[in-house]
Amino acid sequence: MATQVPIKGTEGRKGELMRPTGMFEELERWAETMLPLGWARPMHLERMFWGGAAPQVDVIDREADLVIHAALPGFRKDDIEVTASSDSVTLRGSASEETQEGEGAGEYYRREIRREDFLRTIHLPCAVDDKQVKATFKDGMLELVLPKAEPAKRHSIEIEEG
C-alpha cells in the first residue's frame, strides 16, 4: 500500500496526507488542462524524459471495478508482464528485434516501426483486490479488470427527511 506523507507548509493543504507521487500526478493533471487536447503528454516527450516507450492507457472507473486498456501494438502476449498491488499496476514489455534471414532478406531503406522495451506503473484511484485481477490480450490491446476492494465500492445512501 502507498505510504502517506504529511505535507508541511503548503497553503490550503496543511496537515493533509498525500502519496509521494501525488504531487507529480497533480502536476500532470494541471498540464493536461493547460495544453490543448492531445498535447498533454506527447509520446516523444515521454521517451525523452523517461528513456523509453510508454504505452498509452485508459483507466475506467466503474461501480464495482476498474478497467485498464493499454495499447501494445506489435507485442505478443508472451512479451508482456503485468504485476498488481492494491494501489497500482505495473506493465512491463520486452521487445526483441526481428531479423530477416535467407532469400527475402535485405537492408532497410527506411525504418520507422519500432518495438521498444517499456515499463509503466499506473497508480490507481482506489484500492483493488489484486488477487482477482483478470487480464486479456487481443489485437494489440491489453485489458485488465481490477475488482475494487470492498471499502472502495460505491454504495447508494438513502436520504431520510429530517
N, C-alpha and C. Protein backbone atom coordinates (compact mmCIF):
# COMPACT_ATOMS: atom_id res chain seq x y z
N MET A 1 0.84 -1.17 0.00
CA MET A 1 0.00 0.00 0.00
C MET A 1 0.89 1.24 0.00
N ALA A 2 0.37 2.32 -0.57
CA ALA A 2 1.16 3.54 -0.68
C ALA A 2 1.41 4.16 0.68
N THR A 3 2.58 4.73 0.84
CA THR A 3 2.95 5.39 2.08
C THR A 3 2.36 6.78 2.08
N GLN A 4 1.72 7.18 3.16
CA GLN A 4 1.16 8.52 3.29
C GLN A 4 2.22 9.43 3.89
N VAL A 5 2.40 10.59 3.28
CA VAL A 5 3.41 11.54 3.72
C VAL A 5 2.73 12.87 4.02
N PRO A 6 2.89 13.42 5.25
CA PRO A 6 2.27 14.71 5.55
C PRO A 6 2.96 15.82 4.77
N ILE A 7 2.17 16.77 4.31
CA ILE A 7 2.70 17.93 3.58
C ILE A 7 2.85 19.05 4.59
N LYS A 8 4.02 19.65 4.65
CA LYS A 8 4.27 20.72 5.61
C LYS A 8 4.36 22.05 4.88
N GLY A 9 3.65 23.03 5.40
CA GLY A 9 3.77 24.39 4.90
C GLY A 9 3.12 24.67 3.57
N THR A 10 2.34 23.76 3.02
CA THR A 10 1.68 24.01 1.75
C THR A 10 0.35 24.68 2.04
N GLU A 11 0.16 25.90 1.53
CA GLU A 11 -1.03 26.67 1.79
C GLU A 11 -2.26 25.94 1.27
N GLY A 12 -3.30 25.86 2.06
CA GLY A 12 -4.54 25.22 1.65
C GLY A 12 -4.54 23.71 1.85
N ARG A 13 -3.41 23.13 2.18
CA ARG A 13 -3.33 21.68 2.36
C ARG A 13 -2.65 21.32 3.66
N LYS A 14 -2.59 22.19 4.55
CA LYS A 14 -1.86 21.97 5.80
C LYS A 14 -2.37 20.71 6.51
N GLY A 15 -1.47 19.82 6.80
CA GLY A 15 -1.80 18.60 7.51
C GLY A 15 -2.43 17.52 6.66
N GLU A 16 -2.72 17.79 5.39
CA GLU A 16 -3.33 16.79 4.52
C GLU A 16 -2.29 15.73 4.15
N LEU A 17 -2.70 14.47 4.08
CA LEU A 17 -1.79 13.40 3.70
C LEU A 17 -1.86 13.17 2.20
N MET A 18 -0.71 12.84 1.61
CA MET A 18 -0.65 12.66 0.17
C MET A 18 0.37 11.59 -0.15
N ARG A 19 0.11 10.82 -1.22
CA ARG A 19 1.09 9.82 -1.66
C ARG A 19 2.33 10.54 -2.18
N PRO A 20 3.51 9.93 -2.07
CA PRO A 20 4.74 10.59 -2.56
C PRO A 20 4.66 10.99 -4.03
N THR A 21 3.96 10.21 -4.86
CA THR A 21 3.86 10.54 -6.28
C THR A 21 2.68 11.45 -6.57
N GLY A 22 1.88 11.77 -5.57
CA GLY A 22 0.69 12.59 -5.77
C GLY A 22 1.00 13.96 -6.35
N MET A 23 2.11 14.55 -5.95
CA MET A 23 2.49 15.86 -6.46
C MET A 23 2.72 15.81 -7.97
N PHE A 24 3.36 14.73 -8.44
CA PHE A 24 3.61 14.59 -9.87
C PHE A 24 2.31 14.35 -10.63
N GLU A 25 1.40 13.56 -10.04
CA GLU A 25 0.10 13.33 -10.67
C GLU A 25 -0.69 14.63 -10.77
N GLU A 26 -0.61 15.46 -9.72
CA GLU A 26 -1.30 16.75 -9.74
C GLU A 26 -0.71 17.65 -10.81
N LEU A 27 0.60 17.66 -10.96
CA LEU A 27 1.26 18.45 -12.00
C LEU A 27 0.84 17.97 -13.38
N GLU A 28 0.73 16.65 -13.56
CA GLU A 28 0.29 16.09 -14.84
C GLU A 28 -1.14 16.53 -15.16
N ARG A 29 -2.03 16.49 -14.16
CA ARG A 29 -3.42 16.93 -14.36
C ARG A 29 -3.45 18.42 -14.73
N TRP A 30 -2.62 19.22 -14.08
CA TRP A 30 -2.55 20.63 -14.39
C TRP A 30 -2.10 20.84 -15.84
N ALA A 31 -1.07 20.09 -16.26
CA ALA A 31 -0.57 20.21 -17.63
C ALA A 31 -1.64 19.82 -18.65
N GLU A 32 -2.44 18.80 -18.32
CA GLU A 32 -3.50 18.37 -19.23
C GLU A 32 -4.55 19.45 -19.41
N THR A 33 -4.82 20.24 -18.37
CA THR A 33 -5.81 21.31 -18.50
C THR A 33 -5.24 22.52 -19.23
N MET A 34 -3.95 22.75 -19.15
CA MET A 34 -3.33 23.92 -19.77
C MET A 34 -3.00 23.71 -21.24
N LEU A 35 -2.69 22.50 -21.63
CA LEU A 35 -2.29 22.23 -23.01
C LEU A 35 -3.48 21.76 -23.82
N PRO A 36 -3.51 22.02 -25.13
CA PRO A 36 -4.63 21.58 -25.96
C PRO A 36 -4.78 20.06 -25.92
N LEU A 37 -5.99 19.60 -26.15
CA LEU A 37 -6.29 18.17 -26.15
C LEU A 37 -5.34 17.42 -27.08
N GLY A 38 -4.80 16.34 -26.59
CA GLY A 38 -3.87 15.55 -27.40
C GLY A 38 -2.42 15.95 -27.20
N TRP A 39 -2.20 17.11 -26.57
CA TRP A 39 -0.82 17.57 -26.36
C TRP A 39 -0.40 17.43 -24.91
N ALA A 40 -1.25 16.83 -24.08
CA ALA A 40 -0.95 16.76 -22.65
C ALA A 40 0.38 16.08 -22.36
N ARG A 41 0.64 14.98 -23.05
CA ARG A 41 1.90 14.28 -22.82
C ARG A 41 2.28 13.56 -24.11
N PRO A 42 2.86 14.29 -25.07
CA PRO A 42 3.24 13.65 -26.32
C PRO A 42 4.23 12.52 -26.08
N MET A 43 4.09 11.46 -26.86
CA MET A 43 4.94 10.29 -26.67
C MET A 43 6.42 10.61 -26.87
N HIS A 44 6.76 11.55 -27.76
CA HIS A 44 8.18 11.85 -27.94
C HIS A 44 8.76 12.49 -26.68
N LEU A 45 7.97 13.26 -25.93
CA LEU A 45 8.45 13.81 -24.67
C LEU A 45 8.59 12.72 -23.62
N GLU A 46 7.66 11.77 -23.64
CA GLU A 46 7.72 10.65 -22.71
C GLU A 46 9.04 9.91 -22.89
N ARG A 47 9.41 9.65 -24.14
CA ARG A 47 10.68 8.94 -24.41
C ARG A 47 11.87 9.79 -24.00
N MET A 48 11.78 11.11 -24.25
CA MET A 48 12.90 11.99 -23.96
C MET A 48 13.16 12.03 -22.45
N PHE A 49 12.11 12.13 -21.64
CA PHE A 49 12.29 12.26 -20.20
C PHE A 49 12.54 10.92 -19.51
N TRP A 50 11.89 9.86 -19.95
CA TRP A 50 11.95 8.60 -19.23
C TRP A 50 12.78 7.53 -19.94
N GLY A 51 13.30 7.81 -21.13
CA GLY A 51 14.24 6.91 -21.77
C GLY A 51 13.63 5.64 -22.32
N GLY A 52 12.44 5.68 -22.81
CA GLY A 52 11.83 4.50 -23.41
C GLY A 52 10.39 4.78 -23.77
N ALA A 53 9.79 3.84 -24.44
CA ALA A 53 8.40 4.00 -24.84
C ALA A 53 7.51 3.76 -23.63
N ALA A 54 6.37 4.36 -23.64
CA ALA A 54 5.38 4.12 -22.60
C ALA A 54 4.05 3.90 -23.30
N PRO A 55 3.40 2.77 -23.05
CA PRO A 55 2.13 2.52 -23.74
C PRO A 55 1.06 3.50 -23.29
N GLN A 56 0.18 3.85 -24.21
CA GLN A 56 -0.95 4.70 -23.87
C GLN A 56 -1.99 3.85 -23.16
N VAL A 57 -2.60 4.41 -22.12
CA VAL A 57 -3.58 3.66 -21.35
C VAL A 57 -4.83 4.50 -21.12
N ASP A 58 -5.95 3.79 -20.94
CA ASP A 58 -7.21 4.38 -20.47
C ASP A 58 -7.52 3.69 -19.16
N VAL A 59 -7.93 4.45 -18.15
CA VAL A 59 -8.36 3.88 -16.88
C VAL A 59 -9.82 4.27 -16.70
N ILE A 60 -10.68 3.27 -16.59
CA ILE A 60 -12.12 3.49 -16.49
C ILE A 60 -12.58 3.05 -15.10
N ASP A 61 -13.25 3.95 -14.41
CA ASP A 61 -13.75 3.68 -13.05
C ASP A 61 -15.22 3.28 -13.16
N ARG A 62 -15.51 2.00 -12.97
CA ARG A 62 -16.88 1.51 -12.98
C ARG A 62 -17.33 1.30 -11.54
N GLU A 63 -18.59 0.96 -11.35
CA GLU A 63 -19.13 0.86 -10.00
C GLU A 63 -18.38 -0.17 -9.14
N ALA A 64 -18.15 -1.36 -9.68
CA ALA A 64 -17.57 -2.44 -8.87
C ALA A 64 -16.11 -2.72 -9.20
N ASP A 65 -15.59 -2.13 -10.29
CA ASP A 65 -14.20 -2.42 -10.67
C ASP A 65 -13.59 -1.29 -11.47
N LEU A 66 -12.29 -1.40 -11.67
CA LEU A 66 -11.55 -0.50 -12.56
C LEU A 66 -11.17 -1.31 -13.78
N VAL A 67 -11.18 -0.67 -14.95
CA VAL A 67 -10.76 -1.33 -16.19
C VAL A 67 -9.64 -0.50 -16.79
N ILE A 68 -8.56 -1.18 -17.16
CA ILE A 68 -7.43 -0.51 -17.81
C ILE A 68 -7.27 -1.10 -19.20
N HIS A 69 -7.23 -0.23 -20.21
CA HIS A 69 -6.92 -0.64 -21.57
C HIS A 69 -5.54 -0.07 -21.90
N ALA A 70 -4.65 -0.90 -22.40
CA ALA A 70 -3.32 -0.46 -22.79
C ALA A 70 -3.07 -0.84 -24.24
N ALA A 71 -2.65 0.12 -25.05
CA ALA A 71 -2.35 -0.13 -26.46
C ALA A 71 -0.92 -0.64 -26.58
N LEU A 72 -0.77 -1.87 -27.03
CA LEU A 72 0.55 -2.50 -27.16
C LEU A 72 0.71 -3.12 -28.54
N PRO A 73 0.65 -2.31 -29.59
CA PRO A 73 0.76 -2.87 -30.94
C PRO A 73 2.14 -3.48 -31.18
N GLY A 74 2.16 -4.60 -31.87
CA GLY A 74 3.42 -5.25 -32.21
C GLY A 74 3.94 -6.19 -31.15
N PHE A 75 3.31 -6.23 -30.00
CA PHE A 75 3.73 -7.13 -28.93
C PHE A 75 2.88 -8.39 -28.94
N ARG A 76 3.47 -9.47 -28.47
CA ARG A 76 2.73 -10.72 -28.28
C ARG A 76 2.43 -10.87 -26.79
N LYS A 77 1.50 -11.74 -26.50
CA LYS A 77 1.11 -11.98 -25.11
C LYS A 77 2.32 -12.36 -24.25
N ASP A 78 3.23 -13.17 -24.81
CA ASP A 78 4.40 -13.64 -24.06
C ASP A 78 5.45 -12.55 -23.82
N ASP A 79 5.33 -11.41 -24.52
CA ASP A 79 6.28 -10.30 -24.36
C ASP A 79 5.92 -9.39 -23.19
N ILE A 80 4.73 -9.59 -22.60
CA ILE A 80 4.18 -8.65 -21.63
C ILE A 80 4.09 -9.29 -20.25
N GLU A 81 4.46 -8.53 -19.24
CA GLU A 81 4.33 -8.97 -17.85
C GLU A 81 3.51 -7.93 -17.10
N VAL A 82 2.51 -8.38 -16.34
CA VAL A 82 1.65 -7.49 -15.57
C VAL A 82 1.76 -7.87 -14.11
N THR A 83 2.02 -6.90 -13.24
CA THR A 83 2.01 -7.13 -11.80
C THR A 83 1.07 -6.10 -11.18
N ALA A 84 0.41 -6.49 -10.08
CA ALA A 84 -0.56 -5.61 -9.45
C ALA A 84 -0.39 -5.63 -7.94
N SER A 85 -0.68 -4.49 -7.33
CA SER A 85 -0.79 -4.39 -5.89
C SER A 85 -2.14 -3.74 -5.62
N SER A 86 -2.45 -3.48 -4.39
CA SER A 86 -3.77 -2.93 -4.08
C SER A 86 -3.95 -1.50 -4.59
N ASP A 87 -2.85 -0.78 -4.90
CA ASP A 87 -3.00 0.60 -5.34
C ASP A 87 -2.28 0.95 -6.65
N SER A 88 -1.70 -0.05 -7.33
CA SER A 88 -1.03 0.23 -8.60
C SER A 88 -0.93 -1.03 -9.46
N VAL A 89 -0.71 -0.78 -10.75
CA VAL A 89 -0.49 -1.85 -11.72
C VAL A 89 0.77 -1.49 -12.50
N THR A 90 1.64 -2.47 -12.71
CA THR A 90 2.86 -2.23 -13.49
C THR A 90 2.83 -3.10 -14.73
N LEU A 91 3.06 -2.46 -15.88
CA LEU A 91 3.14 -3.15 -17.16
C LEU A 91 4.60 -3.12 -17.61
N ARG A 92 5.10 -4.28 -18.00
CA ARG A 92 6.47 -4.38 -18.50
C ARG A 92 6.44 -5.16 -19.80
N GLY A 93 7.10 -4.63 -20.80
CA GLY A 93 7.16 -5.31 -22.09
C GLY A 93 8.59 -5.39 -22.56
N SER A 94 8.93 -6.54 -23.11
CA SER A 94 10.28 -6.68 -23.64
C SER A 94 10.17 -7.04 -25.11
N ALA A 95 10.81 -6.22 -25.92
CA ALA A 95 10.74 -6.37 -27.36
C ALA A 95 12.07 -6.89 -27.88
N SER A 96 11.98 -7.80 -28.81
CA SER A 96 13.20 -8.28 -29.45
C SER A 96 13.15 -7.89 -30.92
N GLU A 97 14.27 -7.46 -31.43
CA GLU A 97 14.35 -7.07 -32.83
C GLU A 97 14.21 -8.30 -33.72
N GLU A 98 13.32 -8.19 -34.68
CA GLU A 98 13.15 -9.29 -35.62
C GLU A 98 14.18 -9.14 -36.73
N THR A 99 14.83 -10.21 -37.06
CA THR A 99 15.82 -10.17 -38.12
C THR A 99 15.33 -10.98 -39.30
N GLN A 100 15.64 -10.49 -40.47
CA GLN A 100 15.26 -11.20 -41.68
C GLN A 100 16.48 -11.95 -42.19
N GLU A 101 16.29 -13.22 -42.47
CA GLU A 101 17.38 -14.02 -42.98
C GLU A 101 16.91 -14.79 -44.21
N GLY A 102 17.84 -15.21 -44.99
CA GLY A 102 17.50 -16.03 -46.14
C GLY A 102 17.35 -15.22 -47.41
N GLU A 103 16.60 -15.81 -48.35
CA GLU A 103 16.47 -15.23 -49.68
C GLU A 103 15.74 -13.89 -49.69
N GLY A 104 14.75 -13.70 -48.78
CA GLY A 104 13.95 -12.48 -48.76
C GLY A 104 14.56 -11.36 -47.94
N ALA A 105 15.75 -11.59 -47.38
CA ALA A 105 16.38 -10.59 -46.52
C ALA A 105 16.90 -9.42 -47.34
N GLY A 106 16.98 -8.27 -46.71
CA GLY A 106 17.52 -7.09 -47.37
C GLY A 106 17.87 -6.05 -46.34
N GLU A 107 18.41 -4.94 -46.81
CA GLU A 107 18.74 -3.84 -45.92
C GLU A 107 17.58 -2.87 -45.88
N TYR A 108 17.38 -2.25 -44.72
CA TYR A 108 16.29 -1.30 -44.59
C TYR A 108 16.61 -0.04 -45.38
N TYR A 109 15.65 0.41 -46.15
CA TYR A 109 15.74 1.70 -46.82
C TYR A 109 15.20 2.77 -45.87
N ARG A 110 14.11 2.43 -45.17
CA ARG A 110 13.51 3.29 -44.17
C ARG A 110 12.99 2.40 -43.05
N ARG A 111 13.21 2.82 -41.82
CA ARG A 111 12.74 2.03 -40.69
C ARG A 111 12.12 2.95 -39.66
N GLU A 112 10.78 2.95 -39.62
CA GLU A 112 10.05 3.80 -38.69
C GLU A 112 9.30 3.00 -37.64
N ILE A 113 9.02 1.75 -37.90
CA ILE A 113 8.28 0.92 -36.96
C ILE A 113 9.26 0.32 -35.97
N ARG A 114 9.06 0.68 -34.71
CA ARG A 114 9.97 0.19 -33.68
C ARG A 114 9.17 -0.42 -32.53
N ARG A 115 9.73 -1.44 -31.97
CA ARG A 115 9.20 -2.01 -30.73
C ARG A 115 10.29 -1.80 -29.69
N GLU A 116 9.95 -1.10 -28.63
CA GLU A 116 10.92 -0.81 -27.58
C GLU A 116 10.45 -1.42 -26.27
N ASP A 117 11.41 -1.79 -25.44
CA ASP A 117 11.07 -2.23 -24.09
C ASP A 117 10.36 -1.08 -23.37
N PHE A 118 9.44 -1.43 -22.49
CA PHE A 118 8.76 -0.39 -21.73
C PHE A 118 8.50 -0.88 -20.32
N LEU A 119 8.31 0.09 -19.44
CA LEU A 119 7.93 -0.16 -18.06
C LEU A 119 7.05 1.00 -17.65
N ARG A 120 5.83 0.69 -17.25
CA ARG A 120 4.91 1.77 -16.85
C ARG A 120 4.12 1.32 -15.64
N THR A 121 4.10 2.17 -14.61
CA THR A 121 3.31 1.92 -13.42
C THR A 121 2.15 2.90 -13.41
N ILE A 122 0.96 2.37 -13.21
CA ILE A 122 -0.25 3.17 -13.19
C ILE A 122 -0.77 3.16 -11.75
N HIS A 123 -0.84 4.33 -11.14
CA HIS A 123 -1.37 4.45 -9.79
C HIS A 123 -2.88 4.52 -9.88
N LEU A 124 -3.55 3.71 -9.07
CA LEU A 124 -5.00 3.57 -9.15
C LEU A 124 -5.70 4.56 -8.23
N PRO A 125 -6.91 4.99 -8.62
CA PRO A 125 -7.64 5.97 -7.81
C PRO A 125 -8.28 5.38 -6.54
N CYS A 126 -8.30 4.06 -6.43
CA CYS A 126 -8.87 3.43 -5.23
C CYS A 126 -8.21 2.06 -5.04
N ALA A 127 -8.45 1.46 -3.90
CA ALA A 127 -7.88 0.14 -3.60
C ALA A 127 -8.61 -0.94 -4.39
N VAL A 128 -7.85 -1.92 -4.87
CA VAL A 128 -8.43 -3.04 -5.62
C VAL A 128 -8.02 -4.35 -4.96
N ASP A 129 -8.75 -5.40 -5.32
CA ASP A 129 -8.42 -6.75 -4.86
C ASP A 129 -7.41 -7.32 -5.86
N ASP A 130 -6.13 -7.20 -5.57
CA ASP A 130 -5.09 -7.58 -6.53
C ASP A 130 -5.03 -9.09 -6.78
N LYS A 131 -5.70 -9.89 -5.99
CA LYS A 131 -5.71 -11.35 -6.21
C LYS A 131 -6.74 -11.77 -7.26
N GLN A 132 -7.68 -10.87 -7.60
CA GLN A 132 -8.77 -11.19 -8.51
C GLN A 132 -8.65 -10.50 -9.87
N VAL A 133 -7.51 -9.95 -10.21
CA VAL A 133 -7.32 -9.22 -11.47
C VAL A 133 -7.39 -10.19 -12.64
N LYS A 134 -8.11 -9.78 -13.70
CA LYS A 134 -8.20 -10.59 -14.91
C LYS A 134 -7.58 -9.80 -16.06
N ALA A 135 -6.76 -10.48 -16.86
CA ALA A 135 -6.08 -9.82 -17.98
C ALA A 135 -6.38 -10.58 -19.26
N THR A 136 -6.72 -9.83 -20.32
CA THR A 136 -6.91 -10.43 -21.65
C THR A 136 -6.13 -9.59 -22.66
N PHE A 137 -5.65 -10.25 -23.70
CA PHE A 137 -4.86 -9.58 -24.72
C PHE A 137 -5.36 -10.01 -26.09
N LYS A 138 -5.78 -9.04 -26.91
CA LYS A 138 -6.28 -9.35 -28.25
C LYS A 138 -6.00 -8.18 -29.18
N ASP A 139 -5.46 -8.47 -30.34
CA ASP A 139 -5.21 -7.47 -31.38
C ASP A 139 -4.42 -6.26 -30.87
N GLY A 140 -3.41 -6.50 -30.05
CA GLY A 140 -2.55 -5.42 -29.58
C GLY A 140 -3.12 -4.61 -28.44
N MET A 141 -4.27 -5.01 -27.89
CA MET A 141 -4.88 -4.29 -26.77
C MET A 141 -4.91 -5.18 -25.55
N LEU A 142 -4.35 -4.70 -24.46
CA LEU A 142 -4.38 -5.40 -23.18
C LEU A 142 -5.52 -4.81 -22.36
N GLU A 143 -6.36 -5.69 -21.82
CA GLU A 143 -7.45 -5.23 -20.95
C GLU A 143 -7.29 -5.87 -19.59
N LEU A 144 -7.28 -5.04 -18.55
CA LEU A 144 -7.21 -5.51 -17.18
C LEU A 144 -8.51 -5.12 -16.48
N VAL A 145 -9.11 -6.08 -15.78
CA VAL A 145 -10.29 -5.80 -14.97
C VAL A 145 -9.87 -6.02 -13.53
N LEU A 146 -9.93 -4.96 -12.73
CA LEU A 146 -9.47 -4.98 -11.34
C LEU A 146 -10.67 -4.74 -10.43
N PRO A 147 -11.17 -5.78 -9.76
CA PRO A 147 -12.30 -5.58 -8.84
C PRO A 147 -11.88 -4.68 -7.68
N LYS A 148 -12.76 -3.75 -7.34
CA LYS A 148 -12.47 -2.85 -6.22
C LYS A 148 -12.51 -3.62 -4.91
N ALA A 149 -11.68 -3.20 -3.98
CA ALA A 149 -11.73 -3.76 -2.64
C ALA A 149 -13.05 -3.31 -2.01
N GLU A 150 -13.58 -4.09 -1.13
CA GLU A 150 -14.92 -3.83 -0.57
C GLU A 150 -15.12 -2.39 -0.09
N PRO A 151 -14.21 -1.79 0.68
CA PRO A 151 -14.45 -0.42 1.14
C PRO A 151 -14.47 0.61 0.00
N ALA A 152 -13.87 0.30 -1.16
CA ALA A 152 -13.79 1.26 -2.26
C ALA A 152 -15.01 1.22 -3.18
N LYS A 153 -15.85 0.20 -3.07
CA LYS A 153 -17.03 0.09 -3.93
C LYS A 153 -18.03 1.18 -3.57
N ARG A 154 -18.72 1.67 -4.61
CA ARG A 154 -19.74 2.68 -4.40
C ARG A 154 -20.99 2.05 -3.81
N HIS A 155 -21.57 2.72 -2.84
CA HIS A 155 -22.81 2.25 -2.23
C HIS A 155 -23.82 3.39 -2.28
N SER A 156 -25.05 3.06 -2.57
CA SER A 156 -26.11 4.07 -2.55
C SER A 156 -26.51 4.33 -1.11
N ILE A 157 -26.72 5.60 -0.83
CA ILE A 157 -27.11 6.01 0.51
C ILE A 157 -28.52 6.60 0.41
N GLU A 158 -29.42 6.05 1.18
CA GLU A 158 -30.79 6.57 1.17
C GLU A 158 -30.83 7.81 2.05
N ILE A 159 -31.43 8.87 1.54
CA ILE A 159 -31.53 10.13 2.27
C ILE A 159 -32.89 10.17 2.95
N GLU A 160 -32.86 10.41 4.25
CA GLU A 160 -34.08 10.49 5.03
C GLU A 160 -34.49 11.95 5.20
N GLU A 161 -35.78 12.18 5.32
CA GLU A 161 -36.26 13.52 5.58
C GLU A 161 -35.99 13.87 7.03
N GLY A 162 -35.55 15.08 7.24
CA GLY A 162 -35.16 15.43 8.60
C GLY A 162 -36.10 16.35 9.18
